[in-house]
Amino acid sequence: MQYLGPAIILVWFTMTTMIYISAKTKRRKFSYKSLFFGSLAWEKNSRNWLLILGLFLLVSLNPITDTFIFLISLGCYIIILAGSNLLLHRGNHHQHMLALFFSVFLIGLAIYPLLSNFR
C-alpha cells in the first residue's frame, strides 16, 4: 500500500511529460500552469485529481523523507523543463528563469530537513 502514492505520482509525471512532448511540436507559446494543471477548471481535470490522490497517499502512508524526495524530484523535473525551454527559445525567457529559481528554492527547501537529520 505504501507504493501506491509514489506510483500515482509517477503516472502524473509521465502524463505531464507526454503533454509536454505533444505541446512542443504544436506551438511556440508555453505555460507552466497549463502543463502542470491543465486548461480546465481544477476539479474537472483528471491530472489534478491524480496529483492530489498521490500526494495524499504519499504523505499519509510513507515516511516524511519520501515527501522531501518527491519535492527534490519535482524541482529537478522543473529544472529540466525550464532548461530545455530556454534552449529551444519557447515562450518568455523570464518565465523560465523564474521557474529555475523556484525549482532551486524548492530543492533547497526539501534538502535542508534531510541534511539536518544527519547531525
Protein backbone atom coordinates (compact mmCIF):
# COMPACT_ATOMS: atom_id res chain seq x y z
CA MET A 1 0.00 0.00 0.00
CA GLN A 2 2.92 2.35 0.62
CA TYR A 3 3.95 2.11 -3.03
CA LEU A 4 0.57 3.31 -4.32
CA GLY A 5 1.23 7.01 -3.68
CA PRO A 6 4.62 7.09 -5.44
CA ALA A 7 3.17 5.03 -8.31
CA ILE A 8 0.32 7.51 -8.81
CA ILE A 9 2.78 10.41 -8.72
CA LEU A 10 4.94 8.59 -11.27
CA VAL A 11 1.86 8.31 -13.51
CA TRP A 12 1.33 12.07 -13.04
CA PHE A 13 4.96 12.77 -14.03
CA THR A 14 4.53 10.54 -17.10
CA MET A 15 1.30 12.26 -18.14
CA THR A 16 2.89 15.68 -17.71
CA THR A 17 5.88 14.61 -19.79
CA MET A 18 3.66 13.27 -22.56
CA ILE A 19 1.67 16.51 -22.64
CA TYR A 20 4.93 18.49 -22.75
CA ILE A 21 6.22 16.43 -25.67
CA SER A 22 2.97 16.75 -27.62
CA ALA A 23 2.70 20.50 -26.96
CA LYS A 24 6.33 21.05 -28.02
CA THR A 25 5.58 20.24 -31.63
CA LYS A 26 2.32 22.19 -31.87
CA ARG A 27 3.02 25.74 -30.71
CA ARG A 28 5.74 28.15 -29.69
CA LYS A 29 3.86 29.52 -26.65
CA PHE A 30 4.41 27.78 -23.35
CA SER A 31 2.67 27.93 -19.97
CA TYR A 32 3.73 26.02 -16.88
CA LYS A 33 0.21 26.39 -15.47
CA SER A 34 -1.38 24.65 -18.42
CA LEU A 35 1.34 21.99 -18.42
CA PHE A 36 1.04 21.03 -14.76
CA PHE A 37 -2.63 21.76 -14.07
CA GLY A 38 -4.33 21.83 -17.49
CA SER A 39 -6.59 24.38 -19.11
CA LEU A 40 -9.81 23.12 -17.48
CA ALA A 41 -11.02 24.05 -14.04
CA TRP A 42 -9.01 22.16 -11.45
CA GLU A 43 -11.89 19.96 -10.33
CA LYS A 44 -12.62 18.80 -13.89
CA ASN A 45 -9.07 17.78 -14.74
CA SER A 46 -8.10 14.18 -14.00
CA ARG A 47 -4.39 15.04 -13.73
CA ASN A 48 -5.11 17.30 -10.76
CA TRP A 49 -7.04 14.53 -9.00
CA LEU A 50 -4.20 12.09 -9.65
CA LEU A 51 -1.73 14.55 -8.10
CA ILE A 52 -3.98 15.21 -5.09
CA LEU A 53 -4.58 11.50 -4.51
CA GLY A 54 -0.90 10.65 -4.98
CA LEU A 55 0.25 13.37 -2.58
CA PHE A 56 -2.36 12.36 0.00
CA LEU A 57 -1.26 8.74 -0.13
CA LEU A 58 2.42 9.73 -0.11
CA VAL A 59 2.07 11.95 2.94
CA SER A 60 -0.25 9.68 4.88
CA LEU A 61 1.31 6.26 4.25
CA ASN A 62 5.03 6.93 3.75
CA PRO A 63 7.71 8.50 5.94
CA ILE A 64 8.24 12.24 5.61
CA THR A 65 11.56 11.71 3.84
CA ASP A 66 9.65 10.33 0.84
CA THR A 67 7.75 13.62 0.61
CA PHE A 68 11.04 15.51 0.60
CA ILE A 69 12.37 13.20 -2.09
CA PHE A 70 9.24 13.97 -4.14
CA LEU A 71 9.90 17.71 -3.76
CA ILE A 72 13.51 17.24 -4.86
CA SER A 73 12.44 15.21 -7.90
CA LEU A 74 9.80 17.83 -8.78
CA GLY A 75 12.46 20.54 -8.57
CA CYS A 76 14.79 18.56 -10.83
CA TYR A 77 11.91 17.99 -13.26
CA ILE A 78 11.19 21.72 -13.42
CA ILE A 79 14.90 22.45 -13.95
CA ILE A 80 14.93 20.05 -16.92
CA LEU A 81 11.77 21.58 -18.38
CA ALA A 82 12.92 25.17 -17.92
CA GLY A 83 16.38 24.38 -19.28
CA SER A 84 15.02 22.74 -22.38
CA ASN A 85 12.60 25.60 -22.94
CA LEU A 86 15.43 28.11 -22.62
CA LEU A 87 17.49 26.17 -25.15
CA LEU A 88 14.55 25.86 -27.57
CA HIS A 89 13.61 29.55 -27.18
CA ARG A 90 9.99 28.70 -26.37
CA GLY A 91 7.86 31.28 -24.63
CA ASN A 92 9.06 34.09 -22.40
CA HIS A 93 12.59 33.60 -21.06
CA HIS A 94 11.72 35.50 -17.84
CA GLN A 95 9.11 32.84 -17.11
CA HIS A 96 11.72 30.10 -17.46
CA MET A 97 14.21 31.93 -15.27
CA LEU A 98 11.55 32.27 -12.55
CA ALA A 99 10.84 28.55 -12.86
CA LEU A 100 14.55 27.81 -12.46
CA PHE A 101 14.81 29.98 -9.34
CA PHE A 102 11.64 28.41 -7.92
CA SER A 103 12.93 24.91 -8.51
CA VAL A 104 16.29 25.67 -6.87
CA PHE A 105 14.38 27.15 -3.90
CA LEU A 106 12.17 24.04 -3.77
CA ILE A 107 15.17 21.72 -3.81
CA GLY A 108 16.90 23.75 -1.10
CA LEU A 109 13.74 23.75 0.99
CA ALA A 110 13.49 19.96 0.72
CA ILE A 111 17.19 19.21 1.24
CA TYR A 112 17.51 21.28 4.43
CA PRO A 113 15.43 18.94 6.67
CA LEU A 114 17.07 15.89 5.14
CA LEU A 115 20.55 17.21 5.90
CA SER A 116 19.60 18.34 9.40
CA ASN A 117 18.65 14.74 10.26
CA PHE A 118 22.23 13.61 9.66
CA ARG A 119 23.62 15.65 12.55
